[in-house]
């Protein structure tokens, strides 16, 4: 991977994430990578050999987390192992050896990162009349890709339909745009260079020179306008646009994705980091490594059965009609840690003091807990109580319905040891 593309992988942008989330409505079971080719990937997600709905949902959620979070391949590999262990997926390519698994996870990670980045760029490039092909700086460059470096062509030129990068596995080439001839030159464009002769001459296998099988298309070209429109609608990224895309996902797949999001250790880990940052901010300490705290942290959407139960218990029919999320906020986390974080106070109540590590169990409580009606708050908001046991700890959460924001928002959380041998656990990522 080139240094330039590696940097892009760690800096996700709105159009990139919007493109990938637009694929979540179509999770396609496949046997091999040839089962879905070219621009079919613009609207659907697949992992060769993954055929069950739950497995695909888990993998799609893991890739989404990698793209939206800008995380590296090692973190994705850990999540992949956890999914494989939970699902019992066998017979997959790369299974059985450490090197094989590393290769397989690297291909999944790099391919989805590269194509989503290219598709996001394609959406952004629509506003530029001139496009310039740039070589990515690979250590072992393909001669044809080097020959295309600096090629400057109009946006509508047919070259881009079959040669828009990546043009093969591991290709790190990219395209940049320009609004004028002068800008194009500054960005490495050569107006005197013409597309090479014979670029459209396919060999006996139907392959173009320098373009590997299945890569003779422009990722994102068929959905560029939709991605631009979606990315332009939001300022609070990625929460609002993620919600918008999940709203369009078919119900059964949305439920599978919602459950997959909460099953991921990273969802609990993200909540732990948010709680630590909230604790630091409340105490005046810097929130090291976190950056500005978002107003809300989503734990994923309600499933249809959860939404129906919440609507029936509270009388808020919108919960069942619309897409609502489970969320936490800075104020909610601060309340929990202030009211239930002191060791002496909680033990006097027969409860366990809560820490950021125990807060990280909340996503699993919401997935498996029992939901009951808990009355109204002082300002008339309907609330629900969720009770359940997670890792030897009996937890109780109170959430309030926020119709304008379409959220079930954490009000408070407390816990007690369900087992005398209970010890708080850190979430393993």
Protein backbone atom coordinates (compact mmCIF):
# COMPACT_ATOMS: atom_id res chain seq x y z
CA UNK A 1 0.00 0.00 0.00
CA UNK A 2 1.33 3.45 -0.82
CA UNK A 3 1.82 6.01 1.91
CA UNK A 4 -0.75 8.30 0.28
CA UNK A 5 -3.48 5.70 0.12
CA UNK A 6 -2.65 4.42 3.61
CA UNK A 7 -3.26 7.94 4.88
CA UNK A 8 -6.63 8.10 3.13
CA UNK A 9 -7.65 4.80 4.70
CA UNK A 10 -7.17 6.34 8.14
CA UNK A 11 -9.08 9.54 7.24
CA UNK A 12 -12.59 8.48 6.24
CA UNK A 13 -14.68 11.12 4.52
CA UNK A 14 -18.42 11.57 4.21
CA UNK A 15 -18.83 10.29 0.67
CA UNK A 16 -16.72 7.22 1.40
CA UNK A 17 -18.81 6.19 4.38
CA UNK A 18 -22.02 7.13 2.57
CA UNK A 19 -21.10 4.83 -0.32
CA UNK A 20 -20.45 1.84 1.92
CA UNK A 21 -23.57 2.36 4.01
CA UNK A 22 -25.59 2.50 0.82
CA UNK A 23 -24.66 -1.18 0.32
CA UNK A 24 -25.97 -2.38 3.67
CA UNK A 25 -29.46 -2.95 2.31
CA UNK A 26 -28.25 -5.79 0.10
CA UNK A 27 -26.17 -8.47 1.81
CA UNK A 28 -25.48 -11.11 -0.83
CA UNK A 29 -24.45 -14.71 -0.01
CA UNK A 30 -21.74 -15.96 -2.38
CA UNK A 31 -19.47 -18.94 -2.89
CA UNK A 32 -16.59 -17.20 -4.71
CA UNK A 33 -15.58 -13.62 -5.55
CA UNK A 34 -16.70 -14.17 -9.16
CA UNK A 35 -20.34 -14.52 -8.01
CA UNK A 36 -20.62 -10.72 -7.93
CA UNK A 37 -18.59 -8.54 -10.30
CA UNK A 38 -17.97 -4.93 -11.28
CA UNK A 39 -20.70 -2.38 -10.52
CA UNK A 40 -22.82 -4.98 -8.73
CA UNK A 41 -20.57 -4.03 -5.80
CA UNK A 42 -21.92 -0.46 -5.89
CA UNK A 43 -25.20 -1.53 -4.31
CA UNK A 44 -24.46 -4.76 -2.46
CA UNK A 45 -22.06 -6.22 0.10
CA UNK A 46 -20.49 -9.66 -0.06
CA UNK A 47 -17.59 -11.63 1.38
CA UNK A 48 -16.71 -14.68 -0.74
CA UNK A 49 -17.85 -17.85 1.00
CA UNK A 50 -20.05 -16.08 3.57
CA UNK A 51 -23.60 -17.31 3.06
CA UNK A 52 -25.62 -17.00 6.28
CA UNK A 53 -27.52 -13.78 6.97
CA UNK A 54 -26.12 -13.38 10.50
CA UNK A 55 -22.54 -13.92 9.36
CA UNK A 56 -22.90 -11.39 6.54
CA UNK A 57 -24.47 -8.87 8.91
CA UNK A 58 -21.60 -9.29 11.37
CA UNK A 59 -19.00 -8.88 8.63
CA UNK A 60 -20.78 -5.87 7.10
CA UNK A 61 -20.96 -4.17 10.50
CA UNK A 62 -17.26 -4.90 11.09
CA UNK A 63 -16.25 -3.39 7.73
CA UNK A 64 -18.49 -0.38 8.38
CA UNK A 65 -16.77 0.11 11.71
CA UNK A 66 -13.36 -0.07 10.01
CA UNK A 67 -14.30 2.43 7.30
CA UNK A 68 -16.19 4.92 9.47
CA UNK A 69 -13.62 4.70 12.26
CA UNK A 70 -10.57 4.81 10.00
CA UNK A 71 -9.10 1.86 11.88
CA UNK A 72 -6.14 -0.23 10.77
CA UNK A 73 -6.04 -3.85 9.56
CA UNK A 74 -4.95 -5.25 12.93
CA UNK A 75 -8.12 -4.04 14.67
CA UNK A 76 -10.23 -5.40 11.81
CA UNK A 77 -8.40 -8.74 12.02
CA UNK A 78 -9.23 -9.05 15.73
CA UNK A 79 -12.88 -8.39 15.01
CA UNK A 80 -12.87 -10.90 12.15
CA UNK A 81 -11.52 -13.60 14.46
CA UNK A 82 -14.23 -12.88 17.02
CA UNK A 83 -16.94 -13.13 14.34
CA UNK A 84 -15.54 -16.40 12.98
CA UNK A 85 -15.34 -17.91 16.46
CA UNK A 86 -18.91 -16.90 17.27
CA UNK A 87 -20.40 -18.01 13.95
CA UNK A 88 -18.44 -21.24 13.57
CA UNK A 89 -17.64 -20.32 9.96
CA UNK A 90 -15.56 -23.10 8.42
CA UNK A 91 -14.45 -23.99 4.92
CA UNK A 92 -13.42 -20.39 4.17
CA UNK A 93 -10.40 -19.49 2.08
CA UNK A 94 -7.34 -18.92 4.27
CA UNK A 95 -8.65 -21.07 7.12
CA UNK A 96 -6.21 -23.20 9.07
CA UNK A 97 -3.02 -21.17 9.09
CA UNK A 98 -2.00 -17.85 10.57
CA UNK A 99 -0.62 -16.71 7.22
CA UNK A 100 -3.80 -17.75 5.42
CA UNK A 101 -6.00 -15.88 7.87
CA UNK A 102 -3.78 -12.79 7.66
CA UNK A 103 -4.02 -12.88 3.86
CA UNK A 104 -7.81 -13.29 3.91
CA UNK A 105 -8.46 -10.47 6.36
CA UNK A 106 -6.02 -8.23 4.49
CA UNK A 107 -7.90 -8.80 1.21
CA UNK A 108 -11.30 -8.07 2.80
CA UNK A 109 -9.98 -4.98 4.55
CA UNK A 110 -8.01 -3.53 1.64
CA UNK A 111 -10.63 -4.25 -1.00
CA UNK A 112 -13.46 -2.60 0.90
CA UNK A 113 -11.28 0.33 1.97
CA UNK A 114 -9.95 0.89 -1.56
CA UNK A 115 -13.28 0.62 -3.36
CA UNK A 116 -15.18 2.75 -0.86
CA UNK A 117 -12.45 5.39 -1.03
CA UNK A 118 -12.48 5.31 -4.85
CA UNK A 119 -16.28 5.50 -4.92
CA UNK A 120 -16.30 8.42 -2.50
CA UNK A 121 -13.72 10.19 -4.67
CA UNK A 122 -15.86 9.51 -7.74
CA UNK A 123 -18.78 11.29 -6.09
CA UNK A 124 -16.58 14.26 -5.17
CA UNK A 125 -15.02 14.44 -8.65
CA UNK A 126 -18.37 15.10 -10.32
CA UNK A 127 -17.87 18.83 -9.80
CA UNK A 128 -14.56 18.86 -11.74
CA UNK A 129 -14.54 18.93 -15.57
CA UNK A 130 -11.00 17.52 -15.82
CA UNK A 131 -9.69 14.34 -14.16
CA UNK A 132 -6.05 13.30 -13.74
CA UNK A 133 -4.82 9.73 -13.23
CA UNK A 134 -2.15 9.49 -10.52
CA UNK A 135 0.01 6.49 -9.75
CA UNK A 136 -0.11 5.50 -6.09
CA UNK A 137 3.60 4.89 -5.59
CA UNK A 138 3.53 1.11 -5.11
CA UNK A 139 6.87 -0.58 -4.44
CA UNK A 140 6.30 -2.93 -7.39
CA UNK A 141 4.37 -0.79 -9.88
CA UNK A 142 2.49 -2.18 -12.83
CA UNK A 143 4.06 -0.74 -16.02
CA UNK A 144 0.69 0.23 -17.50
CA UNK A 145 -0.31 2.12 -14.36
CA UNK A 146 2.97 4.05 -14.45
CA UNK A 147 2.28 4.88 -18.11
CA UNK A 148 -1.13 6.35 -17.16
CA UNK A 149 0.36 8.58 -14.45
CA UNK A 150 -0.48 12.21 -15.29
CA UNK A 151 -3.03 11.30 -17.95
CA UNK A 152 -5.41 14.28 -18.08
CA UNK A 153 -8.83 13.70 -19.63
CA UNK A 154 -12.33 15.20 -19.52
CA UNK A 155 -14.66 13.73 -16.89
CA UNK A 156 -16.89 12.21 -19.62
CA UNK A 157 -14.04 10.43 -21.45
CA UNK A 158 -14.73 6.68 -21.92
CA UNK A 159 -11.30 5.86 -20.46
CA UNK A 160 -12.71 6.40 -16.97
CA UNK A 161 -15.45 3.80 -17.44
CA UNK A 162 -12.96 0.93 -17.53
CA UNK A 163 -9.70 2.39 -16.14
CA UNK A 164 -10.81 4.36 -13.10
CA UNK A 165 -8.69 2.96 -10.23
CA UNK A 166 -8.21 0.69 -8.46
CA UNK A 167 -7.40 -1.40 -11.54
CA UNK A 168 -6.53 -4.61 -9.71
CA UNK A 169 -5.92 -6.25 -6.35
CA UNK A 170 -3.73 -4.01 -4.23
CA UNK A 171 -3.71 -1.15 -6.76
CA UNK A 172 -3.18 2.17 -4.96
CA UNK A 173 -3.66 4.52 -7.92
CA UNK A 174 -6.18 7.32 -7.63
CA UNK A 175 -7.79 10.18 -9.57
CA UNK A 176 -7.73 13.87 -8.76
CA UNK A 177 -9.81 16.63 -10.33
CA UNK A 178 -9.19 20.10 -11.70
CA UNK A 179 -11.37 23.03 -12.70
CA UNK A 180 -8.91 24.51 -15.20
CA UNK A 181 -5.91 23.57 -17.35
CA UNK A 182 -3.60 25.49 -15.02
CA UNK A 183 -4.89 23.64 -11.95
CA UNK A 184 -4.56 20.33 -13.79
CA UNK A 185 -0.89 20.99 -14.46
CA UNK A 186 -0.31 21.88 -10.81
CA UNK A 187 -1.87 18.53 -9.87
CA UNK A 188 0.40 16.53 -12.14
CA UNK A 189 -1.69 16.52 -15.30
CA UNK A 190 -0.15 16.38 -18.77
CA UNK A 191 -2.52 17.80 -21.41
CA UNK A 192 -0.34 16.50 -24.26
CA UNK A 193 -0.51 12.88 -23.15
CA UNK A 194 -3.10 10.76 -24.96
CA UNK A 195 -4.64 7.49 -23.78
CA UNK A 196 -2.32 4.67 -24.89
CA UNK A 197 -3.12 2.87 -28.11
CA UNK A 198 -4.74 -0.51 -27.64
CA UNK A 199 -6.06 0.27 -24.17
CA UNK A 200 -9.46 -1.22 -25.10
CA UNK A 201 -8.05 -4.31 -26.83
CA UNK A 202 -9.09 -7.30 -24.74
CA UNK A 203 -7.05 -10.48 -24.75
CA UNK A 204 -8.31 -14.06 -25.16
CA UNK A 205 -9.61 -14.01 -21.56
CA UNK A 206 -11.43 -10.72 -22.10
CA UNK A 207 -8.95 -8.70 -20.01
CA UNK A 208 -7.76 -5.18 -20.75
CA UNK A 209 -4.02 -4.35 -20.62
CA UNK A 210 -3.07 -3.45 -17.05
CA UNK A 211 -6.55 -4.14 -15.64
CA UNK A 212 -7.13 -7.32 -13.66
CA UNK A 213 -10.23 -9.48 -13.92
CA UNK A 214 -13.33 -7.83 -12.46
CA UNK A 215 -11.71 -4.40 -12.05
CA UNK A 216 -12.65 -2.94 -15.47
CA UNK A 217 -15.25 -0.58 -14.01
CA UNK A 218 -15.41 2.64 -12.00
CA UNK A 219 -16.36 1.93 -8.35
CA UNK A 220 -19.25 4.14 -7.34
CA UNK A 221 -20.06 5.46 -10.81
CA UNK A 222 -23.61 4.08 -10.81
CA UNK A 223 -24.44 5.68 -7.45
CA UNK A 224 -22.31 8.84 -7.54
CA UNK A 225 -25.22 11.28 -7.53
CA UNK A 226 -27.03 9.40 -4.76
CA UNK A 227 -23.88 9.42 -2.62
CA UNK A 228 -23.37 13.16 -3.22
CA UNK A 229 -26.96 13.89 -2.26
CA UNK A 230 -26.79 11.78 0.89
CA UNK A 231 -23.46 13.22 2.04
CA UNK A 232 -24.69 16.79 1.50
CA UNK A 233 -27.67 16.33 3.82
CA UNK A 234 -25.75 16.05 7.03
CA UNK A 235 -23.42 18.04 9.22
CA UNK A 236 -23.40 15.66 12.22
CA UNK A 237 -21.45 12.84 10.57
CA UNK A 238 -21.64 9.90 10.76
CA UNK A 239 -24.66 9.62 13.10
CA UNK A 240 -27.33 11.33 10.99
CA UNK A 241 -26.32 9.91 7.63
CA UNK A 242 -25.88 6.45 9.14
CA UNK A 243 -29.44 6.74 10.44
CA UNK A 244 -30.68 7.86 7.03
CA UNK A 245 -29.13 4.85 5.33
CA UNK A 246 -30.36 2.38 7.94
CA UNK A 247 -33.85 3.79 7.44
CA UNK A 248 -33.73 2.59 3.83
CA UNK A 249 -32.45 -0.92 4.62
CA UNK A 250 -35.07 -3.69 4.28
CA UNK A 251 -36.53 -4.64 7.70
CA UNK A 252 -35.06 -8.15 8.03
CA UNK A 253 -31.56 -7.03 7.08
CA UNK A 254 -31.81 -3.97 9.29
CA UNK A 255 -32.62 -6.15 12.29
CA UNK A 256 -29.66 -8.42 11.53
CA UNK A 257 -27.35 -5.41 11.23
CA UNK A 258 -28.71 -3.84 14.42
CA UNK A 259 -28.01 -7.03 16.36
CA UNK A 260 -24.58 -7.37 14.73
CA UNK A 261 -23.64 -3.83 15.76
CA UNK A 262 -24.43 -4.56 19.41
CA UNK A 263 -22.67 -7.95 19.32
CA UNK A 264 -19.40 -6.36 18.27
CA UNK A 265 -16.91 -5.90 21.11
CA UNK A 266 -16.01 -2.57 19.48
CA UNK A 267 -19.47 -1.16 20.28
CA UNK A 268 -18.89 -1.73 23.98
CA UNK A 269 -15.31 -0.52 23.62
CA UNK A 270 -16.52 2.70 21.95
CA UNK A 271 -18.89 3.25 24.87
CA UNK A 272 -16.08 2.64 27.35
CA UNK A 273 -13.90 5.24 25.62
CA UNK A 274 -16.81 7.68 25.50
CA UNK A 275 -17.41 7.19 29.23
CA UNK A 276 -13.74 7.72 30.01
CA UNK A 277 -13.74 10.88 27.92
CA UNK A 278 -16.93 12.07 29.63
CA UNK A 279 -15.37 11.36 33.03
CA UNK A 280 -12.27 13.34 32.05
CA UNK A 281 -14.31 16.27 30.79
CA UNK A 282 -16.46 16.33 33.92
CA UNK A 283 -13.34 16.45 36.08
CA UNK A 284 -11.69 19.12 33.99
CA UNK A 285 -9.06 16.72 32.65
CA UNK A 286 -8.33 16.57 28.92
CA UNK A 287 -10.12 13.84 26.98
CA UNK A 288 -6.82 12.45 25.67
CA UNK A 289 -7.02 10.67 22.34
CA UNK A 290 -10.76 11.16 21.92
CA UNK A 291 -11.20 14.64 20.47
CA UNK A 292 -14.39 16.69 20.79
CA UNK A 293 -17.17 14.68 22.38
CA UNK A 294 -20.21 14.10 20.15
CA UNK A 295 -23.60 15.13 21.54
CA UNK A 296 -24.83 11.53 21.36
CA UNK A 297 -23.20 8.14 20.91
CA UNK A 298 -25.41 5.63 19.12
CA UNK A 299 -25.42 1.96 20.10
CA UNK A 300 -27.33 1.07 16.94
CA UNK A 301 -30.98 1.05 15.88
CA UNK A 302 -33.79 -0.77 17.63
CA UNK A 303 -34.89 -3.98 15.98
CA UNK A 304 -38.50 -4.13 14.84
CA UNK A 305 -39.49 -6.32 17.79
CA UNK A 306 -37.81 -3.93 20.24
CA UNK A 307 -39.53 -0.96 18.61
CA UNK A 308 -42.92 -2.68 18.74
CA UNK A 309 -42.49 -3.57 22.43
CA UNK A 310 -41.35 -0.03 23.30
CA UNK A 311 -44.31 1.51 21.45
CA UNK A 312 -46.78 -0.82 23.17
CA UNK A 313 -45.38 -0.16 26.64
CA UNK A 314 -45.04 3.62 26.36
CA UNK A 315 -47.91 4.45 23.99
CA UNK A 316 -45.46 6.36 21.77
CA UNK A 317 -46.52 4.89 18.44
CA UNK A 318 -43.74 6.63 16.54
CA UNK A 319 -41.23 4.19 18.01
CA UNK A 320 -42.75 1.41 15.91
CA UNK A 321 -43.37 3.56 12.81
CA UNK A 322 -39.96 5.21 12.52
CA UNK A 323 -36.30 4.23 12.90
CA UNK A 324 -35.17 4.90 16.49
CA UNK A 325 -31.73 4.39 18.03
CA UNK A 326 -30.46 3.33 21.42
CA UNK A 327 -28.20 6.21 22.52
CA UNK A 328 -26.14 7.60 25.37
CA UNK A 329 -25.01 11.18 25.94
CA UNK A 330 -22.48 13.07 27.98
CA UNK A 331 -25.14 14.06 30.53
CA UNK A 332 -26.43 10.49 30.84
CA UNK A 333 -22.96 9.02 31.32
CA UNK A 334 -22.05 11.75 33.83
CA UNK A 335 -25.22 10.98 35.81
CA UNK A 336 -24.46 7.26 35.95
CA UNK A 337 -20.87 7.77 37.07
CA UNK A 338 -21.87 10.44 39.61
CA UNK A 339 -24.78 8.53 41.16
CA UNK A 340 -23.52 4.95 40.85
CA UNK A 341 -19.74 5.16 40.63
CA UNK A 342 -18.79 5.48 44.30
CA UNK A 343 -17.66 2.23 45.92
CA UNK A 344 -18.90 2.90 49.49
CA UNK A 345 -22.29 4.27 48.39
CA UNK A 346 -23.03 1.45 45.99
CA UNK A 347 -21.99 -1.32 48.39
CA UNK A 348 -24.26 0.19 51.04
CA UNK A 349 -27.09 -0.20 48.51
CA UNK A 350 -26.08 -3.79 47.75
CA UNK A 351 -24.90 -2.71 44.31
CA UNK A 352 -21.64 -2.74 42.38
CA UNK A 353 -19.94 0.60 41.64
CA UNK A 354 -20.08 1.35 37.91
CA UNK A 355 -17.00 2.20 35.87
CA UNK A 356 -16.43 2.85 32.17
CA UNK A 357 -15.66 -0.88 31.87
CA UNK A 358 -19.02 -1.93 33.30
CA UNK A 359 -20.83 0.70 31.21
CA UNK A 360 -19.40 -1.10 28.18
CA UNK A 361 -21.77 -4.00 28.94
CA UNK A 362 -24.81 -1.85 28.10
CA UNK A 363 -25.11 -2.86 24.40
CA UNK A 364 -25.42 -6.52 25.39
CA UNK A 365 -27.96 -5.68 28.09
CA UNK A 366 -30.12 -3.89 25.52
CA UNK A 367 -29.97 -6.90 23.20
CA UNK A 368 -30.90 -9.56 25.72
CA UNK A 369 -32.65 -7.76 28.59
CA UNK A 370 -36.32 -7.73 29.59
CA UNK A 371 -38.12 -4.48 28.78
CA UNK A 372 -40.87 -3.10 31.07
CA UNK A 373 -42.61 0.25 31.52
CA UNK A 374 -40.98 2.58 34.08
CA UNK A 375 -43.35 5.56 34.18
CA UNK A 376 -42.74 9.21 33.31
CA UNK A 377 -39.92 11.60 34.16
CA UNK A 378 -40.54 14.85 36.02
CA UNK A 379 -40.99 16.61 32.69
CA UNK A 380 -43.39 14.03 31.28
CA UNK A 381 -41.12 11.84 29.15
CA UNK A 382 -42.04 8.16 28.87
CA UNK A 383 -39.42 5.76 30.21
CA UNK A 384 -38.61 2.07 29.96
CA UNK A 385 -36.66 -0.26 32.22
CA UNK A 386 -34.37 -2.97 30.82
CA UNK A 387 -33.17 -5.74 33.18
CA UNK A 388 -30.74 -8.52 32.43
CA UNK A 389 -27.60 -10.42 33.38
CA UNK A 390 -24.36 -9.81 31.50
CA UNK A 391 -21.06 -11.49 32.41
CA UNK A 392 -22.23 -12.36 35.93
CA UNK A 393 -23.60 -8.89 36.62
CA UNK A 394 -27.31 -8.06 37.03
CA UNK A 395 -27.84 -4.71 35.28
CA UNK A 396 -30.81 -2.34 35.18
CA UNK A 397 -31.04 0.50 32.67
CA UNK A 398 -33.64 3.26 32.48
CA UNK A 399 -34.10 4.87 29.07
CA UNK A 400 -36.35 7.74 28.05
CA UNK A 401 -38.19 8.24 24.76
CA UNK A 402 -37.10 11.35 22.82
CA UNK A 403 -39.56 11.55 19.88
CA UNK A 404 -38.02 14.60 18.21
CA UNK A 405 -34.62 12.92 18.09
CA UNK A 406 -36.03 9.41 17.51
CA UNK A 407 -34.03 7.94 20.39
CA UNK A 408 -34.34 5.73 23.43
CA UNK A 409 -31.77 7.58 25.51
CA UNK A 410 -29.99 6.29 28.63
CA UNK A 411 -31.13 8.06 31.81
CA UNK A 412 -29.38 5.89 34.37
CA UNK A 413 -27.84 2.46 34.95
CA UNK A 414 -27.03 0.44 38.06
CA UNK A 415 -25.91 -3.10 38.79
CA UNK A 416 -25.32 -5.79 41.34
CA UNK A 417 -23.33 -8.99 41.29
CA UNK A 418 -25.40 -11.91 40.06
CA UNK A 419 -22.59 -14.27 41.07
CA UNK A 420 -20.49 -14.08 44.29
CA UNK A 421 -17.41 -14.59 42.12
CA UNK A 422 -18.20 -11.64 39.86
CA UNK A 423 -15.26 -9.47 38.89
CA UNK A 424 -15.64 -6.51 36.48
CA UNK A 425 -14.16 -7.27 33.10
CA UNK A 426 -12.49 -5.06 30.54
CA UNK A 427 -13.89 -5.40 27.04
CA UNK A 428 -11.46 -7.24 24.78
CA UNK A 429 -11.20 -5.79 21.30
